[in-house]
Amino acid sequence: MEKLFKIIDSHAHYDDEAFIEDQKEVFNQIRENGVIGVLNCAASYSSLKTTNILTKEYEFIYGALGIHPENANEFTDNTLNEIKEYIKSNNKIVAIGEIGLDYYWDENPEKSIQKEVFRKQMQLAQDLNLPVIIHDREAHKDTLEIMKEFKDVTGVVHCFSGSVEFAKECLKLGYYIGFTGVITFKNAKKLVEVAKEVPIDRMLVETDCPYMAPEPNRGKRNKSDYIEHIINKIASIKEIDPLELNLKLNGNFYRLIRRNF
C-alpha cells in the first residue's frame, strides 16, 4: 500500500514502559509511515512529567495531562496546581486527560474517589477552557451524569465501548467519539453499529498504544501507523474513500484541540 495517509493518533501512551528501549526508533518509524501528529495522554502522576517532556522533545507530539481513574489514589490537593503550571509553561499541552471512571477492575480505587477526582479535573478543564479526554469503562451511567454537570466542557470519549444510545447522549453534549483498533475485531459488532450512527465530523481515531492493536496486528505492541487499518475499516462502514476520511478525521482532531489546520 502506498503511504498516502497523513495519520493523527488522538490517543497514545508513548511514555509507557513498553517503549522504554526503542522509543526514538519507533518515532522515526511511524513518521516514515505517515504519522504527522500524536496526542500523548498522561495517566499516572509520574506521566504528567514524562508527557510534558515528550511534547518539548518532539515537534509532532501534543500532550494531555490528567490522572487516570485507575490512579485516582495518586491525586492530591496539589495535583491541579502542578497541571496548571505545566500548561502555563507549555502551549503544546492541549487537553485535560486521561480522566474519567473505570469500574471494570475490583482493585481500582473506590467509586466515590474516582468520581471526586473526575469532577475536580472536569472543573479544571472548565476553568482553563480546555477539552477533556475521557476514559469510561463499565461506568457509562456515572460518566454521563458527570459529563452533564459540566455543560461548558467538551472533548472525546476515548476507546468508546458503549451503546449507540450512549454515543448519541455524548454527541448531544458536543463530544467526539474515539475509535480504536477494536473496531477491526470480528466480534466488534456493537462498535460497528456505533460507527454507523456517529457522524464522520464527530469521529476520532486512536491507538491507545501500546494497547489495542488492530487486525492484522492484534496482540502486538500497538503504534500510531497501525491507524491505517482503523481508517480503512471505518471507511468501509461509512462507504467513503479512505483518504477522504483520513483528511476529515484530521480536521476533527485540530478542532478538538482548537488549532488551525
C-alpha atoms as a PDB file:
ATOM      1  CA  MET A   1       0.000   0.000   0.000  1.00  0.00           C
ATOM      2  CA  GLU A   2       1.307   3.438  -0.883  1.00  0.00           C
ATOM      3  CA  LYS A   3       1.959   5.603   2.160  1.00  0.00           C
ATOM      4  CA  LEU A   4      -0.571   8.274   1.335  1.00  0.00           C
ATOM      5  CA  PHE A   5      -2.283   8.617   4.709  1.00  0.00           C
ATOM      6  CA  LYS A   6      -1.388  11.572   6.911  1.00  0.00           C
ATOM      7  CA  ILE A   7      -2.161   9.998  10.252  1.00  0.00           C
ATOM      8  CA  ILE A   8      -3.017  11.716  13.517  1.00  0.00           C
ATOM      9  CA  ASP A   9      -3.223   9.494  16.588  1.00  0.00           C
ATOM     10  CA  SER A  10      -5.629  11.172  19.003  1.00  0.00           C
ATOM     11  CA  HIS A  11      -4.682   9.000  21.993  1.00  0.00           C
ATOM     12  CA  ALA A  12      -1.347   7.348  22.749  1.00  0.00           C
ATOM     13  CA  HIS A  13       0.930   6.493  25.669  1.00  0.00           C
ATOM     14  CA  TYR A  14       4.470   6.650  24.312  1.00  0.00           C
ATOM     15  CA  ASP A  15       5.884   7.265  27.779  1.00  0.00           C
ATOM     16  CA  ASP A  16       4.699   3.761  28.726  1.00  0.00           C
ATOM     17  CA  GLU A  17       7.382   1.286  29.777  1.00  0.00           C
ATOM     18  CA  ALA A  18       6.623  -0.730  26.636  1.00  0.00           C
ATOM     19  CA  PHE A  19       8.556   1.914  24.656  1.00  0.00           C
ATOM     20  CA  ILE A  20      11.497   2.438  27.013  1.00  0.00           C
ATOM     21  CA  GLU A  21      14.053   0.545  24.947  1.00  0.00           C
ATOM     22  CA  ASP A  22      13.249   1.825  21.457  1.00  0.00           C
ATOM     23  CA  GLN A  23      11.116   4.956  21.744  1.00  0.00           C
ATOM     24  CA  LYS A  24      13.194   7.025  19.303  1.00  0.00           C
ATOM     25  CA  GLU A  25      13.285   4.206  16.757  1.00  0.00           C
ATOM     26  CA  VAL A  26       9.505   3.840  16.957  1.00  0.00           C
ATOM     27  CA  PHE A  27       9.054   7.582  16.451  1.00  0.00           C
ATOM     28  CA  ASN A  28      11.289   7.500  13.360  1.00  0.00           C
ATOM     29  CA  GLN A  29       9.362   4.534  12.014  1.00  0.00           C
ATOM     30  CA  ILE A  30       5.893   5.980  12.463  1.00  0.00           C
ATOM     31  CA  ARG A  31       6.943   9.302  10.955  1.00  0.00           C
ATOM     32  CA  GLU A  32       8.263   7.477   7.889  1.00  0.00           C
ATOM     33  CA  ASN A  33       4.914   5.686   7.675  1.00  0.00           C
ATOM     34  CA  GLY A  34       2.810   8.840   7.503  1.00  0.00           C
ATOM     35  CA  VAL A  35       2.166   9.857  11.125  1.00  0.00           C
ATOM     36  CA  ILE A  36       2.052  13.650  11.376  1.00  0.00           C
ATOM     37  CA  GLY A  37       0.636  14.101  14.876  1.00  0.00           C
ATOM     38  CA  VAL A  38       0.164  12.317  18.202  1.00  0.00           C
ATOM     39  CA  LEU A  39      -1.693  13.279  21.364  1.00  0.00           C
ATOM     40  CA  ASN A  40       0.177  11.641  24.229  1.00  0.00           C
ATOM     41  CA  CYS A  41      -2.143  11.265  27.199  1.00  0.00           C
ATOM     42  CA  ALA A  42      -0.948  11.173  30.779  1.00  0.00           C
ATOM     43  CA  ALA A  43      -2.440   8.596  33.139  1.00  0.00           C
ATOM     44  CA  SER A  44      -0.377   8.347  36.310  1.00  0.00           C
ATOM     45  CA  TYR A  45       1.083  11.151  38.383  1.00  0.00           C
ATOM     46  CA  SER A  46       4.571  10.437  37.037  1.00  0.00           C
ATOM     47  CA  SER A  47       3.314  10.602  33.443  1.00  0.00           C
ATOM     48  CA  LEU A  48       2.379  14.249  33.873  1.00  0.00           C
ATOM     49  CA  LYS A  49       6.087  14.998  33.728  1.00  0.00           C
ATOM     50  CA  THR A  50       7.030  12.468  31.057  1.00  0.00           C
ATOM     51  CA  THR A  51       4.221  13.577  28.749  1.00  0.00           C
ATOM     52  CA  ASN A  52       5.250  17.201  29.174  1.00  0.00           C
ATOM     53  CA  ILE A  53       8.834  16.295  28.260  1.00  0.00           C
ATOM     54  CA  LEU A  54       7.785  14.397  25.127  1.00  0.00           C
ATOM     55  CA  THR A  55       5.916  17.429  23.780  1.00  0.00           C
ATOM     56  CA  LYS A  56       9.046  19.524  24.163  1.00  0.00           C
ATOM     57  CA  GLU A  57      11.375  16.989  22.580  1.00  0.00           C
ATOM     58  CA  TYR A  58       9.224  16.124  19.549  1.00  0.00           C
ATOM     59  CA  GLU A  59       7.511  18.652  17.313  1.00  0.00           C
ATOM     60  CA  PHE A  60       4.724  16.277  16.239  1.00  0.00           C
ATOM     61  CA  ILE A  61       3.642  15.334  19.767  1.00  0.00           C
ATOM     62  CA  TYR A  62       0.959  17.197  21.729  1.00  0.00           C
ATOM     63  CA  GLY A  63       0.052  16.435  25.316  1.00  0.00           C
ATOM     64  CA  ALA A  64      -2.961  15.901  27.560  1.00  0.00           C
ATOM     65  CA  LEU A  65      -2.436  15.976  31.318  1.00  0.00           C
ATOM     66  CA  GLY A  66      -4.632  14.273  33.895  1.00  0.00           C
ATOM     67  CA  ILE A  67      -4.913  11.412  36.344  1.00  0.00           C
ATOM     68  CA  HIS A  68      -6.498   8.176  35.083  1.00  0.00           C
ATOM     69  CA  PRO A  69      -9.250   6.670  37.265  1.00  0.00           C
ATOM     70  CA  GLU A  70      -7.082   3.618  37.966  1.00  0.00           C
ATOM     71  CA  ASN A  71      -4.576   6.019  39.510  1.00  0.00           C
ATOM     72  CA  ALA A  72      -7.094   8.218  41.322  1.00  0.00           C
ATOM     73  CA  ASN A  73      -5.416   7.491  44.660  1.00  0.00           C
ATOM     74  CA  GLU A  74      -2.326   9.366  43.394  1.00  0.00           C
ATOM     75  CA  PHE A  75      -4.334  12.576  43.117  1.00  0.00           C
ATOM     76  CA  THR A  76      -3.504  15.118  45.846  1.00  0.00           C
ATOM     77  CA  ASP A  77      -4.581  18.653  46.668  1.00  0.00           C
ATOM     78  CA  ASN A  78      -1.564  19.957  44.791  1.00  0.00           C
ATOM     79  CA  THR A  79      -2.049  17.931  41.596  1.00  0.00           C
ATOM     80  CA  LEU A  80      -4.295  20.522  39.955  1.00  0.00           C
ATOM     81  CA  ASN A  81      -1.748  23.264  40.622  1.00  0.00           C
ATOM     82  CA  GLU A  82       1.013  21.147  39.100  1.00  0.00           C
ATOM     83  CA  ILE A  83      -1.053  20.531  35.972  1.00  0.00           C
ATOM     84  CA  LYS A  84      -1.788  24.256  35.738  1.00  0.00           C
ATOM     85  CA  GLU A  85       1.939  25.048  35.901  1.00  0.00           C
ATOM     86  CA  TYR A  86       2.746  22.614  33.101  1.00  0.00           C
ATOM     87  CA  ILE A  87       0.013  24.140  30.937  1.00  0.00           C
ATOM     88  CA  LYS A  88       1.097  27.691  31.728  1.00  0.00           C
ATOM     89  CA  SER A  89       4.639  26.997  30.548  1.00  0.00           C
ATOM     90  CA  ASN A  90       3.858  24.766  27.553  1.00  0.00           C
ATOM     91  CA  ASN A  91       1.376  25.649  24.805  1.00  0.00           C
ATOM     92  CA  LYS A  92       1.561  22.107  23.433  1.00  0.00           C
ATOM     93  CA  ILE A  93      -0.457  20.805  26.382  1.00  0.00           C
ATOM     94  CA  VAL A  94      -3.854  20.983  24.713  1.00  0.00           C
ATOM     95  CA  ALA A  95      -6.257  18.945  26.863  1.00  0.00           C
ATOM     96  CA  ILE A  96      -7.032  17.549  30.304  1.00  0.00           C
ATOM     97  CA  GLY A  97      -6.789  13.779  30.284  1.00  0.00           C
ATOM     98  CA  GLU A  98      -6.894  10.914  30.550  1.00  0.00           C
ATOM     99  CA  ILE A  99      -9.641  11.294  33.145  1.00  0.00           C
ATOM    100  CA  GLY A 100     -12.881   9.504  33.924  1.00  0.00           C
ATOM    101  CA  LEU A 101     -14.218   6.356  35.563  1.00  0.00           C
ATOM    102  CA  ASP A 102     -13.228   2.687  35.444  1.00  0.00           C
ATOM    103  CA  TYR A 103     -15.403   0.186  37.281  1.00  0.00           C
ATOM    104  CA  TYR A 104     -14.007  -2.873  35.491  1.00  0.00           C
ATOM    105  CA  TRP A 105     -11.269  -3.879  37.931  1.00  0.00           C
ATOM    106  CA  ASP A 106     -12.176  -4.638  41.544  1.00  0.00           C
ATOM    107  CA  GLU A 107      -8.772  -3.396  42.699  1.00  0.00           C
ATOM    108  CA  ASN A 108      -9.341   0.080  41.260  1.00  0.00           C
ATOM    109  CA  PRO A 109      -9.881   2.976  43.706  1.00  0.00           C
ATOM    110  CA  GLU A 110     -13.327   3.234  45.273  1.00  0.00           C
ATOM    111  CA  LYS A 111     -16.012   4.635  43.002  1.00  0.00           C
ATOM    112  CA  SER A 112     -16.519   7.642  45.282  1.00  0.00           C
ATOM    113  CA  ILE A 113     -12.823   8.539  44.986  1.00  0.00           C
ATOM    114  CA  GLN A 114     -12.842   8.103  41.219  1.00  0.00           C
ATOM    115  CA  LYS A 115     -15.876  10.365  40.866  1.00  0.00           C
ATOM    116  CA  GLU A 116     -14.385  13.047  43.106  1.00  0.00           C
ATOM    117  CA  VAL A 117     -11.129  13.110  41.136  1.00  0.00           C
ATOM    118  CA  PHE A 118     -13.043  13.092  37.841  1.00  0.00           C
ATOM    119  CA  ARG A 119     -15.160  16.069  38.904  1.00  0.00           C
ATOM    120  CA  LYS A 120     -12.142  18.068  40.072  1.00  0.00           C
ATOM    121  CA  GLN A 121     -10.414  17.558  36.732  1.00  0.00           C
ATOM    122  CA  MET A 122     -13.565  18.405  34.790  1.00  0.00           C
ATOM    123  CA  GLN A 123     -13.724  21.624  36.789  1.00  0.00           C
ATOM    124  CA  LEU A 124     -10.104  22.318  35.888  1.00  0.00           C
ATOM    125  CA  ALA A 125     -10.912  21.847  32.203  1.00  0.00           C
ATOM    126  CA  GLN A 126     -13.830  24.234  32.556  1.00  0.00           C
ATOM    127  CA  ASP A 127     -11.688  26.826  34.340  1.00  0.00           C
ATOM    128  CA  LEU A 128      -8.948  26.613  31.696  1.00  0.00           C
ATOM    129  CA  ASN A 129     -11.331  26.258  28.725  1.00  0.00           C
ATOM    130  CA  LEU A 130      -9.654  23.046  27.565  1.00  0.00           C
ATOM    131  CA  PRO A 131     -11.158  19.873  26.086  1.00  0.00           C
ATOM    132  CA  VAL A 132     -11.094  16.617  28.044  1.00  0.00           C
ATOM    133  CA  ILE A 133     -10.031  13.086  27.161  1.00  0.00           C
ATOM    134  CA  ILE A 134     -12.486  10.807  28.946  1.00  0.00           C
ATOM    135  CA  HIS A 135     -11.912   7.195  29.941  1.00  0.00           C
ATOM    136  CA  ASP A 136     -15.140   5.258  30.554  1.00  0.00           C
ATOM    137  CA  ARG A 137     -15.105   1.547  31.274  1.00  0.00           C
ATOM    138  CA  GLU A 138     -18.171  -0.184  32.682  1.00  0.00           C
ATOM    139  CA  ALA A 139     -19.257   3.190  34.088  1.00  0.00           C
ATOM    140  CA  HIS A 140     -21.481   4.681  31.377  1.00  0.00           C
ATOM    141  CA  LYS A 141     -24.243   5.957  33.658  1.00  0.00           C
ATOM    142  CA  ASP A 142     -21.992   7.739  36.151  1.00  0.00           C
ATOM    143  CA  THR A 143     -19.702   9.044  33.404  1.00  0.00           C
ATOM    144  CA  LEU A 144     -22.618  10.609  31.546  1.00  0.00           C
ATOM    145  CA  GLU A 145     -24.012  12.089  34.745  1.00  0.00           C
ATOM    146  CA  ILE A 146     -20.743  13.900  35.468  1.00  0.00           C
ATOM    147  CA  MET A 147     -20.334  14.998  31.847  1.00  0.00           C
ATOM    148  CA  LYS A 148     -23.771  16.611  32.077  1.00  0.00           C
ATOM    149  CA  GLU A 149     -22.738  18.520  35.214  1.00  0.00           C
ATOM    150  CA  PHE A 150     -20.127  20.411  33.174  1.00  0.00           C
ATOM    151  CA  LYS A 151     -22.079  21.649  30.182  1.00  0.00           C
ATOM    152  CA  ASP A 152     -19.328  24.040  29.073  1.00  0.00           C
ATOM    153  CA  VAL A 153     -16.782  21.207  28.783  1.00  0.00           C
ATOM    154  CA  THR A 154     -16.405  19.063  25.675  1.00  0.00           C
ATOM    155  CA  GLY A 155     -13.819  16.634  24.404  1.00  0.00           C
ATOM    156  CA  VAL A 156     -13.678  12.992  23.380  1.00  0.00           C
ATOM    157  CA  VAL A 157     -14.909   9.778  24.946  1.00  0.00           C
ATOM    158  CA  HIS A 158     -11.884   7.711  24.036  1.00  0.00           C
ATOM    159  CA  CYS A 159     -11.808   3.982  23.248  1.00  0.00           C
ATOM    160  CA  PHE A 160     -15.584   4.089  23.089  1.00  0.00           C
ATOM    161  CA  SER A 161     -17.221   0.920  24.425  1.00  0.00           C
ATOM    162  CA  GLY A 162     -20.836   1.938  24.975  1.00  0.00           C
ATOM    163  CA  SER A 163     -24.072   1.518  23.086  1.00  0.00           C
ATOM    164  CA  VAL A 164     -25.488   3.534  20.213  1.00  0.00           C
ATOM    165  CA  GLU A 165     -27.807   5.218  22.726  1.00  0.00           C
ATOM    166  CA  PHE A 166     -24.898   6.223  24.963  1.00  0.00           C
ATOM    167  CA  ALA A 167     -22.989   7.528  21.945  1.00  0.00           C
ATOM    168  CA  LYS A 168     -25.947   9.713  20.980  1.00  0.00           C
ATOM    169  CA  GLU A 169     -26.065  11.182  24.505  1.00  0.00           C
ATOM    170  CA  CYS A 170     -22.356  12.021  24.264  1.00  0.00           C
ATOM    171  CA  LEU A 171     -22.867  13.624  20.862  1.00  0.00           C
ATOM    172  CA  LYS A 172     -25.670  15.796  22.263  1.00  0.00           C
ATOM    173  CA  LEU A 173     -23.164  17.178  24.770  1.00  0.00           C
ATOM    174  CA  GLY A 174     -20.749  18.071  21.956  1.00  0.00           C
ATOM    175  CA  TYR A 175     -18.269  15.236  22.423  1.00  0.00           C
ATOM    176  CA  TYR A 176     -16.300  13.314  19.839  1.00  0.00           C
ATOM    177  CA  ILE A 177     -16.284   9.512  19.841  1.00  0.00           C
ATOM    178  CA  GLY A 178     -12.863   7.825  19.777  1.00  0.00           C
ATOM    179  CA  PHE A 179     -12.417   4.576  17.831  1.00  0.00           C
ATOM    180  CA  THR A 180      -9.508   2.207  18.474  1.00  0.00           C
ATOM    181  CA  GLY A 181      -8.305  -0.953  16.782  1.00  0.00           C
ATOM    182  CA  VAL A 182     -11.134  -2.818  18.499  1.00  0.00           C
ATOM    183  CA  ILE A 183     -13.401  -1.834  15.610  1.00  0.00           C
ATOM    184  CA  THR A 184     -11.367  -4.128  13.327  1.00  0.00           C
ATOM    185  CA  PHE A 185     -12.035  -7.199  15.514  1.00  0.00           C
ATOM    186  CA  LYS A 186     -14.504  -9.794  14.253  1.00  0.00           C
ATOM    187  CA  ASN A 187     -16.545  -9.624  17.475  1.00  0.00           C
ATOM    188  CA  ALA A 188     -16.896  -5.828  17.443  1.00  0.00           C
ATOM    189  CA  LYS A 189     -20.454  -5.849  16.100  1.00  0.00           C
ATOM    190  CA  LYS A 190     -21.772  -3.367  18.680  1.00  0.00           C
ATOM    191  CA  LEU A 191     -18.976  -0.914  17.926  1.00  0.00           C
ATOM    192  CA  VAL A 192     -19.612  -1.203  14.194  1.00  0.00           C
ATOM    193  CA  GLU A 193     -23.227  -0.220  14.856  1.00  0.00           C
ATOM    194  CA  VAL A 194     -21.972   2.807  16.810  1.00  0.00           C
ATOM    195  CA  ALA A 195     -19.711   3.786  13.909  1.00  0.00           C
ATOM    196  CA  LYS A 196     -22.669   3.599  11.523  1.00  0.00           C
ATOM    197  CA  GLU A 197     -24.585   6.109  13.645  1.00  0.00           C
ATOM    198  CA  VAL A 198     -21.854   8.561  14.627  1.00  0.00           C
ATOM    199  CA  PRO A 199     -21.403  11.345  12.034  1.00  0.00           C
ATOM    200  CA  ILE A 200     -17.948  11.483  10.490  1.00  0.00           C
ATOM    201  CA  ASP A 201     -17.443  15.012  11.814  1.00  0.00           C
ATOM    202  CA  ARG A 202     -17.731  13.665  15.388  1.00  0.00           C
ATOM    203  CA  MET A 203     -15.243  10.788  14.997  1.00  0.00           C
ATOM    204  CA  LEU A 204     -11.630  10.462  16.071  1.00  0.00           C
ATOM    205  CA  VAL A 205      -9.220   7.571  15.576  1.00  0.00           C
ATOM    206  CA  GLU A 206      -6.634   6.454  18.095  1.00  0.00           C
ATOM    207  CA  THR A 207      -4.316   3.654  19.083  1.00  0.00           C
ATOM    208  CA  ASP A 208      -4.302   3.809  22.894  1.00  0.00           C
ATOM    209  CA  CYS A 209      -0.849   2.353  22.257  1.00  0.00           C
ATOM    210  CA  PRO A 210       0.818   0.202  23.371  1.00  0.00           C
ATOM    211  CA  TYR A 211      -2.597  -1.438  23.759  1.00  0.00           C
ATOM    212  CA  MET A 212      -5.492  -2.271  21.386  1.00  0.00           C
ATOM    213  CA  ALA A 213      -3.542  -3.085  18.209  1.00  0.00           C
ATOM    214  CA  PRO A 214      -5.931  -3.549  15.263  1.00  0.00           C
ATOM    215  CA  GLU A 215      -6.146  -6.532  12.961  1.00  0.00           C
ATOM    216  CA  PRO A 216      -3.898  -7.812  11.421  1.00  0.00           C
ATOM    217  CA  ASN A 217      -1.572  -6.840  14.289  1.00  0.00           C
ATOM    218  CA  ARG A 218      -3.840  -7.827  17.171  1.00  0.00           C
ATOM    219  CA  GLY A 219      -1.821  -8.929  20.194  1.00  0.00           C
ATOM    220  CA  LYS A 220       1.287  -6.990  19.173  1.00  0.00           C
ATOM    221  CA  ARG A 221       2.537  -3.752  20.682  1.00  0.00           C
ATOM    222  CA  ASN A 222       0.456  -1.039  19.076  1.00  0.00           C
ATOM    223  CA  LYS A 223       1.843   2.059  17.366  1.00  0.00           C
ATOM    224  CA  SER A 224       0.402   5.023  15.533  1.00  0.00           C
ATOM    225  CA  ASP A 225       0.952   3.959  11.930  1.00  0.00           C
ATOM    226  CA  TYR A 226      -1.383   0.996  12.541  1.00  0.00           C
ATOM    227  CA  ILE A 227      -4.215   3.537  12.466  1.00  0.00           C
ATOM    228  CA  GLU A 228      -4.381   3.000   8.697  1.00  0.00           C
ATOM    229  CA  HIS A 229      -6.268  -0.234   9.444  1.00  0.00           C
ATOM    230  CA  ILE A 230      -8.791   1.638  11.596  1.00  0.00           C
ATOM    231  CA  ILE A 231      -9.301   4.261   8.904  1.00  0.00           C
ATOM    232  CA  ASN A 232      -9.831   1.575   6.266  1.00  0.00           C
ATOM    233  CA  LYS A 233     -12.390  -0.211   8.461  1.00  0.00           C
ATOM    234  CA  ILE A 234     -14.383   2.937   9.214  1.00  0.00           C
ATOM    235  CA  ALA A 235     -14.208   3.981   5.552  1.00  0.00           C
ATOM    236  CA  SER A 236     -15.756   0.639   4.637  1.00  0.00           C
ATOM    237  CA  ILE A 237     -18.518   1.097   7.229  1.00  0.00           C
ATOM    238  CA  LYS A 238     -19.241   4.663   6.100  1.00  0.00           C
ATOM    239  CA  GLU A 239     -18.806   3.889   2.386  1.00  0.00           C
ATOM    240  CA  ILE A 240     -16.343   6.710   1.867  1.00  0.00           C
ATOM    241  CA  ASP A 241     -12.896   6.887   0.263  1.00  0.00           C
ATOM    242  CA  PRO A 242     -10.271   6.172   2.976  1.00  0.00           C
ATOM    243  CA  LEU A 243      -8.106   9.137   2.031  1.00  0.00           C
ATOM    244  CA  GLU A 244     -11.090  11.481   2.163  1.00  0.00           C
ATOM    245  CA  LEU A 245     -11.997  10.058   5.573  1.00  0.00           C
ATOM    246  CA  ASN A 246      -8.409  10.488   6.739  1.00  0.00           C
ATOM    247  CA  LEU A 247      -8.491  14.209   5.983  1.00  0.00           C
ATOM    248  CA  LYS A 248     -11.846  14.654   7.699  1.00  0.00           C
ATOM    249  CA  LEU A 249     -10.612  12.861  10.824  1.00  0.00           C
ATOM    250  CA  ASN A 250      -7.516  15.059  10.941  1.00  0.00           C
ATOM    251  CA  GLY A 251      -9.729  18.118  10.754  1.00  0.00           C
ATOM    252  CA  ASN A 252     -11.750  16.795  13.674  1.00  0.00           C
ATOM    253  CA  PHE A 253      -8.594  16.439  15.756  1.00  0.00           C
ATOM    254  CA  TYR A 254      -7.494  20.006  15.097  1.00  0.00           C
ATOM    255  CA  ARG A 255     -10.942  21.231  16.047  1.00  0.00           C
ATOM    256  CA  LEU A 256     -10.763  19.183  19.256  1.00  0.00           C
ATOM    257  CA  ILE A 257      -7.521  20.856  20.304  1.00  0.00           C
ATOM    258  CA  ARG A 258      -8.656  24.189  18.860  1.00  0.00           C
ATOM    259  CA  ARG A 259      -5.809  24.621  16.411  1.00  0.00           C
ATOM    260  CA  ASN A 260      -5.887  25.711  12.782  1.00  0.00           C
ATOM    261  CA  PHE A 261      -5.081  23.203  10.065  1.00  0.00           C
END
